Amino acid sequence: MRKEEILQALRRAGEGFVSDETLCGQLKVSRQEVRESISELKKNGYQIVSAPDRGYHLACADGRMYAADILSRLPADCLCRKVECVDEVDSTNTRMKQAAEAGEKAGMLLVSDRQTAGRGRRGRVWSSNPGNNIYMTLLLRPAIPPAKVSGLTLLAALALTDALREKFSVEAQIKWPNDVVIGGKKICGILTEMSSEQDFVRYVVVGIGINVNEEVFGPELEETATSLYLQCGKKFDRNVLAAAVVENLCSYYGRFEERQDLSDFVEAYNRILANRDRQVAIYYGMAEDAGKSEVETGIAKGIDREGALVVAIDGKKKRIVSGEVSIRGMHGYL
């Protein structure tokens, strides 16, 4: 019996209790197995109240990331059916690539409470504080050409913005191609990496780092980075958010793989594009080293079905493809 099934049953009961008999009947297990699972859940920080002749009631959890909790929130037909949570890892992407090379199936999710060598775009490295944020990587094995894989990065950003709106009534935007922003500051970074041959994708790992309950950022980040806590003034359940993002991403992934492009998502993405219809600077190189970069300016119009940003420059439309290109506002990050 999986502990996520116990959590699902307790969560369905809401403020009520679920008896031993009910759990045994629903899950087709013995009373002893139910009690062992309840004991294991308590050890992992879940406050489960037991009452004679009434059964069990789920009061709350202690905020830790827990694989069974995430799985219990995913629909039965979700591609993600295996979740592993660890306390610390160098990089969830690095570990997931190792698992992929060893033959791990598509749909595995690795979640870490802390990264010691997380990686971002252009090879940037950072470490992170434990207990506050989400660091996770999903393994995919898409039947698409390698040139299409970058679309998954945009879908991951859209999956997060939709999860925030649907589960927490928080409105976020996307700074092309994949920075999720609230209040003009970044709350999420996404790094998609693949192993491929000339016309065949062996696997893709989609790494997502979300600033959830972080309270303080250093001086090098405080001007451009923020967290859900700082923007909303309350703590967020990381398991709920992680599950919602993964559920959305897996759903969108199926449609993307079938269509082989972003046709189904262009309108939704452009609706929350932070710099749409605004003047932007396009840096062909490192935006941080503007003196050595070729720069163009234009008006961002939105993405096309391939995920390129369409920019109006001198009356003509130009497609900007992510890679060694950075987009900035004329007077700052946005």
C-alpha atoms as a PDB file:
ATOM      1  CA  MET A   1       0.000   0.000   0.000  1.00  0.00           C
ATOM      2  CA  ARG A   2       1.250   3.459  -0.847  1.00  0.00           C
ATOM      3  CA  LYS A   3       1.181   6.198   1.764  1.00  0.00           C
ATOM      4  CA  GLU A   4      -0.162   8.635  -0.804  1.00  0.00           C
ATOM      5  CA  GLU A   5      -3.416   6.647  -0.857  1.00  0.00           C
ATOM      6  CA  ILE A   6      -3.800   7.131   2.897  1.00  0.00           C
ATOM      7  CA  LEU A   7      -3.222  10.871   2.475  1.00  0.00           C
ATOM      8  CA  GLN A   8      -5.787  11.046  -0.310  1.00  0.00           C
ATOM      9  CA  ALA A   9      -8.404   9.335   1.852  1.00  0.00           C
ATOM     10  CA  LEU A  10      -7.709  11.564   4.864  1.00  0.00           C
ATOM     11  CA  ARG A  11      -7.736  14.694   2.714  1.00  0.00           C
ATOM     12  CA  ARG A  12     -11.090  13.747   1.180  1.00  0.00           C
ATOM     13  CA  ALA A  13     -12.569  13.542   4.672  1.00  0.00           C
ATOM     14  CA  GLY A  14     -11.838  17.214   5.286  1.00  0.00           C
ATOM     15  CA  GLU A  15     -12.664  18.050   8.906  1.00  0.00           C
ATOM     16  CA  GLY A  16     -14.038  14.568   9.533  1.00  0.00           C
ATOM     17  CA  PHE A  17     -12.481  11.267  10.540  1.00  0.00           C
ATOM     18  CA  VAL A  18     -11.853   8.094   8.527  1.00  0.00           C
ATOM     19  CA  SER A  19     -12.196   4.773  10.322  1.00  0.00           C
ATOM     20  CA  ASP A  20      -9.853   1.788  10.144  1.00  0.00           C
ATOM     21  CA  GLU A  21     -12.625  -0.207   8.504  1.00  0.00           C
ATOM     22  CA  THR A  22     -13.161   2.389   5.792  1.00  0.00           C
ATOM     23  CA  LEU A  23      -9.453   2.615   4.982  1.00  0.00           C
ATOM     24  CA  CYS A  24      -9.107  -1.167   4.926  1.00  0.00           C
ATOM     25  CA  GLY A  25     -12.085  -1.500   2.608  1.00  0.00           C
ATOM     26  CA  GLN A  26     -11.050   1.280   0.238  1.00  0.00           C
ATOM     27  CA  LEU A  27      -7.415   0.255  -0.010  1.00  0.00           C
ATOM     28  CA  LYS A  28      -7.836  -3.538   0.269  1.00  0.00           C
ATOM     29  CA  VAL A  29      -5.274  -3.847   3.057  1.00  0.00           C
ATOM     30  CA  SER A  30      -5.187  -5.062   6.661  1.00  0.00           C
ATOM     31  CA  ARG A  31      -5.718  -2.899   9.722  1.00  0.00           C
ATOM     32  CA  GLN A  32      -2.089  -3.470  10.674  1.00  0.00           C
ATOM     33  CA  GLU A  33      -0.904  -2.098   7.311  1.00  0.00           C
ATOM     34  CA  VAL A  34      -3.075   0.986   7.795  1.00  0.00           C
ATOM     35  CA  ARG A  35      -1.611   1.608  11.238  1.00  0.00           C
ATOM     36  CA  GLU A  36       1.948   1.142   9.999  1.00  0.00           C
ATOM     37  CA  SER A  37       1.352   3.669   7.231  1.00  0.00           C
ATOM     38  CA  ILE A  38      -0.215   6.146   9.652  1.00  0.00           C
ATOM     39  CA  SER A  39       2.808   5.747  11.934  1.00  0.00           C
ATOM     40  CA  GLU A  40       5.182   6.379   9.020  1.00  0.00           C
ATOM     41  CA  LEU A  41       3.275   9.500   8.011  1.00  0.00           C
ATOM     42  CA  LYS A  42       3.503  10.832  11.570  1.00  0.00           C
ATOM     43  CA  LYS A  43       7.259  10.268  11.535  1.00  0.00           C
ATOM     44  CA  ASN A  44       7.409  12.411   8.393  1.00  0.00           C
ATOM     45  CA  GLY A  45       5.775  15.366  10.081  1.00  0.00           C
ATOM     46  CA  TYR A  46       2.038  14.829   9.494  1.00  0.00           C
ATOM     47  CA  GLN A  47      -0.207  15.650  12.439  1.00  0.00           C
ATOM     48  CA  ILE A  48      -2.746  12.848  12.301  1.00  0.00           C
ATOM     49  CA  VAL A  49      -5.246  12.718  15.138  1.00  0.00           C
ATOM     50  CA  SER A  50      -6.437   9.274  16.227  1.00  0.00           C
ATOM     51  CA  ALA A  51      -9.720   8.872  18.107  1.00  0.00           C
ATOM     52  CA  PRO A  52     -11.293   5.631  19.438  1.00  0.00           C
ATOM     53  CA  ASP A  53     -14.307   4.515  17.401  1.00  0.00           C
ATOM     54  CA  ARG A  54     -13.781   7.396  14.960  1.00  0.00           C
ATOM     55  CA  GLY A  55     -10.509   6.677  13.203  1.00  0.00           C
ATOM     56  CA  TYR A  56      -8.047   9.242  11.839  1.00  0.00           C
ATOM     57  CA  HIS A  57      -8.083  12.926  10.976  1.00  0.00           C
ATOM     58  CA  LEU A  58      -5.364  14.824   9.099  1.00  0.00           C
ATOM     59  CA  ALA A  59      -4.690  18.054  10.987  1.00  0.00           C
ATOM     60  CA  CYS A  60      -1.672  19.446   9.135  1.00  0.00           C
ATOM     61  CA  ALA A  61       1.881  18.770   8.019  1.00  0.00           C
ATOM     62  CA  ASP A  62       5.087  20.478   9.100  1.00  0.00           C
ATOM     63  CA  GLY A  63       5.943  21.970   5.724  1.00  0.00           C
ATOM     64  CA  ARG A  64       8.577  19.475   4.605  1.00  0.00           C
ATOM     65  CA  MET A  65       8.659  18.198   1.039  1.00  0.00           C
ATOM     66  CA  TYR A  66       7.391  14.626   0.985  1.00  0.00           C
ATOM     67  CA  ALA A  67       7.103  12.295  -2.013  1.00  0.00           C
ATOM     68  CA  ALA A  68       3.881  10.644  -0.866  1.00  0.00           C
ATOM     69  CA  ASP A  69       2.252  14.043  -0.372  1.00  0.00           C
ATOM     70  CA  ILE A  70       3.100  15.160  -3.903  1.00  0.00           C
ATOM     71  CA  LEU A  71       1.945  11.863  -5.409  1.00  0.00           C
ATOM     72  CA  SER A  72      -1.302  11.980  -3.439  1.00  0.00           C
ATOM     73  CA  ARG A  73      -2.194  15.225  -5.200  1.00  0.00           C
ATOM     74  CA  LEU A  74      -1.595  13.983  -8.759  1.00  0.00           C
ATOM     75  CA  PRO A  75      -4.365  12.401 -10.863  1.00  0.00           C
ATOM     76  CA  ALA A  76      -4.133   8.683 -11.518  1.00  0.00           C
ATOM     77  CA  ASP A  77      -3.487   9.234 -15.241  1.00  0.00           C
ATOM     78  CA  CYS A  78      -0.627  11.709 -14.700  1.00  0.00           C
ATOM     79  CA  LEU A  79       2.627  10.810 -16.449  1.00  0.00           C
ATOM     80  CA  CYS A  80       4.451  11.433 -13.159  1.00  0.00           C
ATOM     81  CA  ARG A  81       3.944   8.336 -11.006  1.00  0.00           C
ATOM     82  CA  LYS A  82       7.318   8.220  -9.249  1.00  0.00           C
ATOM     83  CA  VAL A  83       8.595  10.930  -6.929  1.00  0.00           C
ATOM     84  CA  GLU A  84      11.782  10.969  -4.888  1.00  0.00           C
ATOM     85  CA  CYS A  85      12.465  13.653  -2.272  1.00  0.00           C
ATOM     86  CA  VAL A  86      15.931  14.202  -0.815  1.00  0.00           C
ATOM     87  CA  ASP A  87      17.268  16.621   1.763  1.00  0.00           C
ATOM     88  CA  GLU A  88      20.236  17.828  -0.274  1.00  0.00           C
ATOM     89  CA  VAL A  89      21.714  17.357  -3.721  1.00  0.00           C
ATOM     90  CA  ASP A  90      24.353  19.069  -5.829  1.00  0.00           C
ATOM     91  CA  SER A  91      21.908  19.600  -8.713  1.00  0.00           C
ATOM     92  CA  THR A  92      18.573  17.915  -9.386  1.00  0.00           C
ATOM     93  CA  ASN A  93      19.263  18.128 -13.124  1.00  0.00           C
ATOM     94  CA  THR A  94      22.643  16.427 -12.747  1.00  0.00           C
ATOM     95  CA  ARG A  95      21.192  13.611 -10.646  1.00  0.00           C
ATOM     96  CA  MET A  96      18.256  13.132 -12.983  1.00  0.00           C
ATOM     97  CA  LYS A  97      20.536  12.900 -16.009  1.00  0.00           C
ATOM     98  CA  GLN A  98      22.426  10.161 -14.213  1.00  0.00           C
ATOM     99  CA  ALA A  99      19.141   8.344 -13.577  1.00  0.00           C
ATOM    100  CA  ALA A 100      18.127   8.779 -17.215  1.00  0.00           C
ATOM    101  CA  GLU A 101      21.416   7.304 -18.401  1.00  0.00           C
ATOM    102  CA  ALA A 102      20.775   4.335 -16.111  1.00  0.00           C
ATOM    103  CA  GLY A 103      17.406   3.724 -17.812  1.00  0.00           C
ATOM    104  CA  GLU A 104      14.906   5.531 -15.561  1.00  0.00           C
ATOM    105  CA  LYS A 105      11.483   5.840 -17.177  1.00  0.00           C
ATOM    106  CA  ALA A 106       9.857   9.097 -18.241  1.00  0.00           C
ATOM    107  CA  GLY A 107       7.764  10.761 -15.578  1.00  0.00           C
ATOM    108  CA  MET A 108      10.117  10.488 -12.625  1.00  0.00           C
ATOM    109  CA  LEU A 109      10.303  13.597 -10.454  1.00  0.00           C
ATOM    110  CA  LEU A 110      13.273  14.393  -8.213  1.00  0.00           C
ATOM    111  CA  VAL A 111      12.745  17.026  -5.520  1.00  0.00           C
ATOM    112  CA  SER A 112      15.397  18.401  -3.189  1.00  0.00           C
ATOM    113  CA  ASP A 113      15.089  20.642  -0.158  1.00  0.00           C
ATOM    114  CA  ARG A 114      18.457  22.187  -0.975  1.00  0.00           C
ATOM    115  CA  GLN A 115      20.911  22.391  -3.865  1.00  0.00           C
ATOM    116  CA  THR A 116      24.611  22.980  -3.339  1.00  0.00           C
ATOM    117  CA  ALA A 117      25.527  23.443  -7.003  1.00  0.00           C
ATOM    118  CA  GLY A 118      22.352  24.415  -8.807  1.00  0.00           C
ATOM    119  CA  ARG A 119      22.889  25.514 -12.382  1.00  0.00           C
ATOM    120  CA  GLY A 120      21.131  28.138 -14.457  1.00  0.00           C
ATOM    121  CA  ARG A 121      21.323  29.569 -17.906  1.00  0.00           C
ATOM    122  CA  ARG A 122      24.831  30.100 -19.310  1.00  0.00           C
ATOM    123  CA  GLY A 123      26.286  27.794 -16.654  1.00  0.00           C
ATOM    124  CA  ARG A 124      25.651  30.084 -13.662  1.00  0.00           C
ATOM    125  CA  VAL A 125      26.030  28.260 -10.337  1.00  0.00           C
ATOM    126  CA  TRP A 126      24.374  29.007  -7.006  1.00  0.00           C
ATOM    127  CA  SER A 127      23.650  27.344  -3.672  1.00  0.00           C
ATOM    128  CA  SER A 128      20.358  27.552  -1.807  1.00  0.00           C
ATOM    129  CA  ASN A 129      18.918  27.627   1.689  1.00  0.00           C
ATOM    130  CA  PRO A 130      17.044  24.573   2.985  1.00  0.00           C
ATOM    131  CA  GLY A 131      13.386  24.496   3.977  1.00  0.00           C
ATOM    132  CA  ASN A 132      12.108  27.421   1.935  1.00  0.00           C
ATOM    133  CA  ASN A 133      12.013  26.741  -1.773  1.00  0.00           C
ATOM    134  CA  ILE A 134      11.322  24.112  -4.438  1.00  0.00           C
ATOM    135  CA  TYR A 135      14.083  22.531  -6.486  1.00  0.00           C
ATOM    136  CA  MET A 136      12.801  19.791  -8.765  1.00  0.00           C
ATOM    137  CA  THR A 137      13.503  18.064 -12.065  1.00  0.00           C
ATOM    138  CA  LEU A 138      11.138  16.051 -14.235  1.00  0.00           C
ATOM    139  CA  LEU A 139      12.427  13.402 -16.645  1.00  0.00           C
ATOM    140  CA  LEU A 140      10.819  13.201 -20.089  1.00  0.00           C
ATOM    141  CA  ARG A 141      11.504  11.106 -23.184  1.00  0.00           C
ATOM    142  CA  PRO A 142       9.611  13.018 -25.899  1.00  0.00           C
ATOM    143  CA  ALA A 143       9.095  11.755 -29.428  1.00  0.00           C
ATOM    144  CA  ILE A 144      10.012  15.098 -30.987  1.00  0.00           C
ATOM    145  CA  PRO A 145      12.978  16.445 -32.982  1.00  0.00           C
ATOM    146  CA  PRO A 146      15.772  17.999 -30.870  1.00  0.00           C
ATOM    147  CA  ALA A 147      15.025  21.435 -32.349  1.00  0.00           C
ATOM    148  CA  LYS A 148      11.585  21.379 -30.689  1.00  0.00           C
ATOM    149  CA  VAL A 149      12.794  20.721 -27.130  1.00  0.00           C
ATOM    150  CA  SER A 150      13.139  24.401 -26.188  1.00  0.00           C
ATOM    151  CA  GLY A 151       9.347  24.634 -26.256  1.00  0.00           C
ATOM    152  CA  LEU A 152       9.237  22.547 -23.065  1.00  0.00           C
ATOM    153  CA  THR A 153      10.973  25.363 -21.191  1.00  0.00           C
ATOM    154  CA  LEU A 154       8.200  27.781 -22.096  1.00  0.00           C
ATOM    155  CA  LEU A 155       5.586  25.202 -21.104  1.00  0.00           C
ATOM    156  CA  ALA A 156       7.203  24.795 -17.682  1.00  0.00           C
ATOM    157  CA  ALA A 157       6.908  28.532 -17.086  1.00  0.00           C
ATOM    158  CA  LEU A 158       3.269  28.469 -18.164  1.00  0.00           C
ATOM    159  CA  ALA A 159       2.616  25.439 -15.927  1.00  0.00           C
ATOM    160  CA  LEU A 160       3.840  27.427 -12.905  1.00  0.00           C
ATOM    161  CA  THR A 161       1.871  30.600 -13.646  1.00  0.00           C
ATOM    162  CA  ASP A 162      -1.298  28.556 -14.139  1.00  0.00           C
ATOM    163  CA  ALA A 163      -0.671  26.595 -10.914  1.00  0.00           C
ATOM    164  CA  LEU A 164      -0.260  29.815  -8.933  1.00  0.00           C
ATOM    165  CA  ARG A 165      -3.493  31.226 -10.298  1.00  0.00           C
ATOM    166  CA  GLU A 166      -5.530  28.019  -9.948  1.00  0.00           C
ATOM    167  CA  LYS A 167      -4.345  26.898  -6.484  1.00  0.00           C
ATOM    168  CA  PHE A 168      -3.445  30.157  -4.746  1.00  0.00           C
ATOM    169  CA  SER A 169      -5.166  32.958  -6.716  1.00  0.00           C
ATOM    170  CA  VAL A 170      -1.749  34.524  -7.359  1.00  0.00           C
ATOM    171  CA  GLU A 171      -1.265  36.270 -10.685  1.00  0.00           C
ATOM    172  CA  ALA A 172       2.212  35.934 -12.204  1.00  0.00           C
ATOM    173  CA  GLN A 173       3.720  36.835 -15.560  1.00  0.00           C
ATOM    174  CA  ILE A 174       6.431  35.416 -17.798  1.00  0.00           C
ATOM    175  CA  LYS A 175       9.475  37.310 -19.011  1.00  0.00           C
ATOM    176  CA  TRP A 176      10.403  35.547 -22.248  1.00  0.00           C
ATOM    177  CA  PRO A 177      11.395  32.852 -22.518  1.00  0.00           C
ATOM    178  CA  ASN A 178      10.977  31.288 -19.076  1.00  0.00           C
ATOM    179  CA  ASP A 179      11.428  33.673 -16.139  1.00  0.00           C
ATOM    180  CA  VAL A 180       8.298  33.746 -13.978  1.00  0.00           C
ATOM    181  CA  VAL A 181       7.876  37.156 -12.346  1.00  0.00           C
ATOM    182  CA  ILE A 182       5.656  38.810  -9.752  1.00  0.00           C
ATOM    183  CA  GLY A 183       5.798  42.510  -9.002  1.00  0.00           C
ATOM    184  CA  GLY A 184       8.482  42.924 -11.646  1.00  0.00           C
ATOM    185  CA  LYS A 185      10.869  40.491  -9.930  1.00  0.00           C
ATOM    186  CA  LYS A 186      11.819  36.897 -10.681  1.00  0.00           C
ATOM    187  CA  ILE A 187      10.504  34.006  -8.564  1.00  0.00           C
ATOM    188  CA  CYS A 188      11.509  31.079 -10.757  1.00  0.00           C
ATOM    189  CA  GLY A 189      14.311  29.790 -12.920  1.00  0.00           C
ATOM    190  CA  ILE A 190      13.949  26.926 -15.406  1.00  0.00           C
ATOM    191  CA  LEU A 191      16.729  24.951 -17.028  1.00  0.00           C
ATOM    192  CA  THR A 192      15.924  22.348 -19.696  1.00  0.00           C
ATOM    193  CA  GLU A 193      18.693  20.007 -20.819  1.00  0.00           C
ATOM    194  CA  MET A 194      18.625  17.109 -23.253  1.00  0.00           C
ATOM    195  CA  SER A 195      20.613  14.177 -24.523  1.00  0.00           C
ATOM    196  CA  SER A 196      20.104  13.669 -28.236  1.00  0.00           C
ATOM    197  CA  GLU A 197      21.470  12.397 -31.484  1.00  0.00           C
ATOM    198  CA  GLN A 198      21.149  14.202 -34.809  1.00  0.00           C
ATOM    199  CA  ASP A 199      17.396  13.690 -35.176  1.00  0.00           C
ATOM    200  CA  PHE A 200      16.470  11.777 -32.026  1.00  0.00           C
ATOM    201  CA  VAL A 201      15.920  12.867 -28.416  1.00  0.00           C
ATOM    202  CA  ARG A 202      17.096  10.302 -25.877  1.00  0.00           C
ATOM    203  CA  TYR A 203      15.769  12.201 -22.878  1.00  0.00           C
ATOM    204  CA  VAL A 204      15.028  15.667 -21.541  1.00  0.00           C
ATOM    205  CA  VAL A 205      15.305  16.917 -17.962  1.00  0.00           C
ATOM    206  CA  VAL A 206      13.263  19.974 -16.994  1.00  0.00           C
ATOM    207  CA  GLY A 207      14.679  21.632 -13.893  1.00  0.00           C
ATOM    208  CA  ILE A 208      12.507  24.125 -12.019  1.00  0.00           C
ATOM    209  CA  GLY A 209      13.609  26.257  -9.069  1.00  0.00           C
ATOM    210  CA  ILE A 210      10.931  28.310  -7.321  1.00  0.00           C
ATOM    211  CA  ASN A 211      11.474  30.928  -4.607  1.00  0.00           C
ATOM    212  CA  VAL A 212       8.582  30.014  -2.332  1.00  0.00           C
ATOM    213  CA  ASN A 213       9.054  30.951   1.332  1.00  0.00           C
ATOM    214  CA  GLU A 214      12.417  32.728   1.142  1.00  0.00           C
ATOM    215  CA  GLU A 215      12.426  35.770   3.440  1.00  0.00           C
ATOM    216  CA  VAL A 216      15.702  37.519   2.535  1.00  0.00           C
ATOM    217  CA  PHE A 217      17.828  37.893  -0.591  1.00  0.00           C
ATOM    218  CA  GLY A 218      21.394  39.113  -0.695  1.00  0.00           C
ATOM    219  CA  PRO A 219      22.294  42.505  -2.173  1.00  0.00           C
ATOM    220  CA  GLU A 220      23.308  40.903  -5.475  1.00  0.00           C
ATOM    221  CA  LEU A 221      19.776  39.526  -5.964  1.00  0.00           C
ATOM    222  CA  GLU A 222      17.343  41.740  -4.079  1.00  0.00           C
ATOM    223  CA  GLU A 223      16.822  44.122  -7.006  1.00  0.00           C
ATOM    224  CA  THR A 224      15.678  41.391  -9.408  1.00  0.00           C
ATOM    225  CA  ALA A 225      14.607  38.401  -7.272  1.00  0.00           C
ATOM    226  CA  THR A 226      11.680  37.850  -4.922  1.00  0.00           C
ATOM    227  CA  SER A 227       9.633  35.033  -3.414  1.00  0.00           C
ATOM    228  CA  LEU A 228       5.981  34.147  -3.097  1.00  0.00           C
ATOM    229  CA  TYR A 229       6.197  34.881   0.617  1.00  0.00           C
ATOM    230  CA  LEU A 230       7.646  38.347   0.100  1.00  0.00           C
ATOM    231  CA  GLN A 231       5.046  39.194  -2.541  1.00  0.00           C
ATOM    232  CA  CYS A 232       1.996  37.731  -0.801  1.00  0.00           C
ATOM    233  CA  GLY A 233       2.862  37.991   2.893  1.00  0.00           C
ATOM    234  CA  LYS A 234       2.086  34.362   3.725  1.00  0.00           C
ATOM    235  CA  LYS A 235       3.742  30.962   3.680  1.00  0.00           C
ATOM    236  CA  PHE A 236       2.918  28.505   0.910  1.00  0.00           C
ATOM    237  CA  ASP A 237       2.586  24.704   1.034  1.00  0.00           C
ATOM    238  CA  ARG A 238       5.434  23.551  -1.186  1.00  0.00           C
ATOM    239  CA  ASN A 239       3.940  20.097  -1.765  1.00  0.00           C
ATOM    240  CA  VAL A 240       0.706  21.594  -3.095  1.00  0.00           C
ATOM    241  CA  LEU A 241       2.573  23.916  -5.443  1.00  0.00           C
ATOM    242  CA  ALA A 242       5.017  21.275  -6.694  1.00  0.00           C
ATOM    243  CA  ALA A 243       2.188  18.863  -7.463  1.00  0.00           C
ATOM    244  CA  ALA A 244       0.151  21.523  -9.264  1.00  0.00           C
ATOM    245  CA  VAL A 245       3.100  22.533 -11.447  1.00  0.00           C
ATOM    246  CA  VAL A 246       3.908  18.914 -12.339  1.00  0.00           C
ATOM    247  CA  GLU A 247       0.265  18.102 -13.093  1.00  0.00           C
ATOM    248  CA  ASN A 248       0.001  21.068 -15.458  1.00  0.00           C
ATOM    249  CA  LEU A 249       3.339  20.388 -17.107  1.00  0.00           C
ATOM    250  CA  CYS A 250       2.547  16.719 -17.745  1.00  0.00           C
ATOM    251  CA  SER A 251      -0.830  17.659 -19.210  1.00  0.00           C
ATOM    252  CA  TYR A 252       0.662  20.346 -21.457  1.00  0.00           C
ATOM    253  CA  TYR A 253       3.510  18.040 -22.457  1.00  0.00           C
ATOM    254  CA  GLY A 254       1.112  15.479 -23.915  1.00  0.00           C
ATOM    255  CA  ARG A 255      -0.542  18.095 -26.116  1.00  0.00           C
ATOM    256  CA  PHE A 256       2.817  19.579 -27.119  1.00  0.00           C
ATOM    257  CA  GLU A 257       4.214  16.189 -28.090  1.00  0.00           C
ATOM    258  CA  GLU A 258       1.128  15.449 -30.198  1.00  0.00           C
ATOM    259  CA  ARG A 259       1.136  18.806 -32.006  1.00  0.00           C
ATOM    260  CA  GLN A 260       4.937  19.114 -32.192  1.00  0.00           C
ATOM    261  CA  ASP A 261       4.689  22.826 -31.428  1.00  0.00           C
ATOM    262  CA  LEU A 262       3.145  25.393 -29.070  1.00  0.00           C
ATOM    263  CA  SER A 263       0.023  26.099 -31.129  1.00  0.00           C
ATOM    264  CA  ASP A 264      -2.294  25.209 -28.229  1.00  0.00           C
ATOM    265  CA  PHE A 265      -0.502  27.563 -25.850  1.00  0.00           C
ATOM    266  CA  VAL A 266       0.454  30.696 -27.791  1.00  0.00           C
ATOM    267  CA  GLU A 267      -2.606  32.689 -26.749  1.00  0.00           C
ATOM    268  CA  ALA A 268      -2.340  31.746 -23.051  1.00  0.00           C
ATOM    269  CA  TYR A 269       1.392  32.480 -22.988  1.00  0.00           C
ATOM    270  CA  ASN A 270       1.102  35.838 -24.739  1.00  0.00           C
ATOM    271  CA  ARG A 271      -1.689  36.903 -22.413  1.00  0.00           C
ATOM    272  CA  ILE A 272       0.742  36.862 -19.460  1.00  0.00           C
ATOM    273  CA  LEU A 273       3.909  37.901 -21.306  1.00  0.00           C
ATOM    274  CA  ALA A 274       5.339  40.659 -19.105  1.00  0.00           C
ATOM    275  CA  ASN A 275       7.021  42.603 -21.894  1.00  0.00           C
ATOM    276  CA  ARG A 276       4.365  42.265 -24.580  1.00  0.00           C
ATOM    277  CA  ASP A 277       3.822  45.505 -26.517  1.00  0.00           C
ATOM    278  CA  ARG A 278       6.731  47.072 -24.644  1.00  0.00           C
ATOM    279  CA  GLN A 279      10.051  48.287 -25.932  1.00  0.00           C
ATOM    280  CA  VAL A 280      12.833  45.829 -25.236  1.00  0.00           C
ATOM    281  CA  ALA A 281      16.585  45.628 -25.785  1.00  0.00           C
ATOM    282  CA  ILE A 282      17.894  42.471 -27.452  1.00  0.00           C
ATOM    283  CA  TYR A 283      21.438  41.582 -26.418  1.00  0.00           C
ATOM    284  CA  TYR A 284      23.227  39.159 -28.712  1.00  0.00           C
ATOM    285  CA  GLY A 285      25.586  37.926 -26.026  1.00  0.00           C
ATOM    286  CA  MET A 286      25.725  38.646 -22.295  1.00  0.00           C
ATOM    287  CA  ALA A 287      23.326  41.395 -21.272  1.00  0.00           C
ATOM    288  CA  GLU A 288      25.458  41.915 -18.142  1.00  0.00           C
ATOM    289  CA  ASP A 289      28.367  42.840 -20.436  1.00  0.00           C
ATOM    290  CA  ALA A 290      26.450  45.227 -22.661  1.00  0.00           C
ATOM    291  CA  GLY A 291      29.592  46.976 -23.837  1.00  0.00           C
ATOM    292  CA  LYS A 292      30.643  43.815 -25.677  1.00  0.00           C
ATOM    293  CA  SER A 293      27.199  42.816 -26.967  1.00  0.00           C
ATOM    294  CA  GLU A 294      25.435  43.687 -30.179  1.00  0.00           C
ATOM    295  CA  VAL A 295      22.152  45.341 -29.223  1.00  0.00           C
ATOM    296  CA  GLU A 296      18.878  45.958 -31.055  1.00  0.00           C
ATOM    297  CA  THR A 297      15.705  47.562 -29.765  1.00  0.00           C
ATOM    298  CA  GLY A 298      12.132  46.914 -30.741  1.00  0.00           C
ATOM    299  CA  ILE A 299       8.598  46.225 -29.519  1.00  0.00           C
ATOM    300  CA  ALA A 300       7.887  42.706 -28.224  1.00  0.00           C
ATOM    301  CA  LYS A 301       4.715  41.371 -29.880  1.00  0.00           C
ATOM    302  CA  GLY A 302       4.514  37.856 -28.391  1.00  0.00           C
ATOM    303  CA  ILE A 303       5.659  34.335 -29.213  1.00  0.00           C
ATOM    304  CA  ASP A 304       4.900  32.209 -32.264  1.00  0.00           C
ATOM    305  CA  ARG A 305       4.069  28.514 -32.269  1.00  0.00           C
ATOM    306  CA  GLU A 306       7.777  27.599 -32.192  1.00  0.00           C
ATOM    307  CA  GLY A 307       8.345  29.668 -29.052  1.00  0.00           C
ATOM    308  CA  ALA A 308      10.372  32.415 -30.734  1.00  0.00           C
ATOM    309  CA  LEU A 309       9.762  35.970 -29.552  1.00  0.00           C
ATOM    310  CA  VAL A 310       8.427  38.161 -32.357  1.00  0.00           C
ATOM    311  CA  VAL A 311       9.813  41.697 -32.108  1.00  0.00           C
ATOM    312  CA  ALA A 312       8.895  44.649 -34.319  1.00  0.00           C
ATOM    313  CA  ILE A 313      12.121  46.418 -35.350  1.00  0.00           C
ATOM    314  CA  ASP A 314      11.987  49.405 -37.710  1.00  0.00           C
ATOM    315  CA  GLY A 315       8.584  48.341 -38.981  1.00  0.00           C
ATOM    316  CA  LYS A 316       9.593  44.740 -39.645  1.00  0.00           C
ATOM    317  CA  LYS A 317       8.943  41.647 -37.571  1.00  0.00           C
ATOM    318  CA  LYS A 318      11.949  39.640 -36.441  1.00  0.00           C
ATOM    319  CA  ARG A 319      11.939  36.222 -34.728  1.00  0.00           C
ATOM    320  CA  ILE A 320      14.232  36.022 -31.711  1.00  0.00           C
ATOM    321  CA  VAL A 321      15.260  32.517 -30.692  1.00  0.00           C
ATOM    322  CA  SER A 322      16.445  31.849 -27.146  1.00  0.00           C
ATOM    323  CA  GLY A 323      20.009  30.752 -26.671  1.00  0.00           C
ATOM    324  CA  GLU A 324      22.791  33.288 -26.653  1.00  0.00           C
ATOM    325  CA  VAL A 325      20.252  36.121 -26.595  1.00  0.00           C
ATOM    326  CA  SER A 326      18.989  38.118 -23.617  1.00  0.00           C
ATOM    327  CA  ILE A 327      15.929  40.347 -23.495  1.00  0.00           C
ATOM    328  CA  ARG A 328      15.815  43.303 -21.127  1.00  0.00           C
ATOM    329  CA  GLY A 329      13.542  46.269 -20.625  1.00  0.00           C
ATOM    330  CA  MET A 330      14.893  49.622 -21.648  1.00  0.00           C
ATOM    331  CA  HIS A 331      15.414  50.695 -18.035  1.00  0.00           C
ATOM    332  CA  GLY A 332      16.005  47.461 -16.155  1.00  0.00           C
ATOM    333  CA  TYR A 333      15.139  43.783 -15.852  1.00  0.00           C
ATOM    334  CA  LEU A 334      11.678  44.189 -17.391  1.00  0.00           C
END
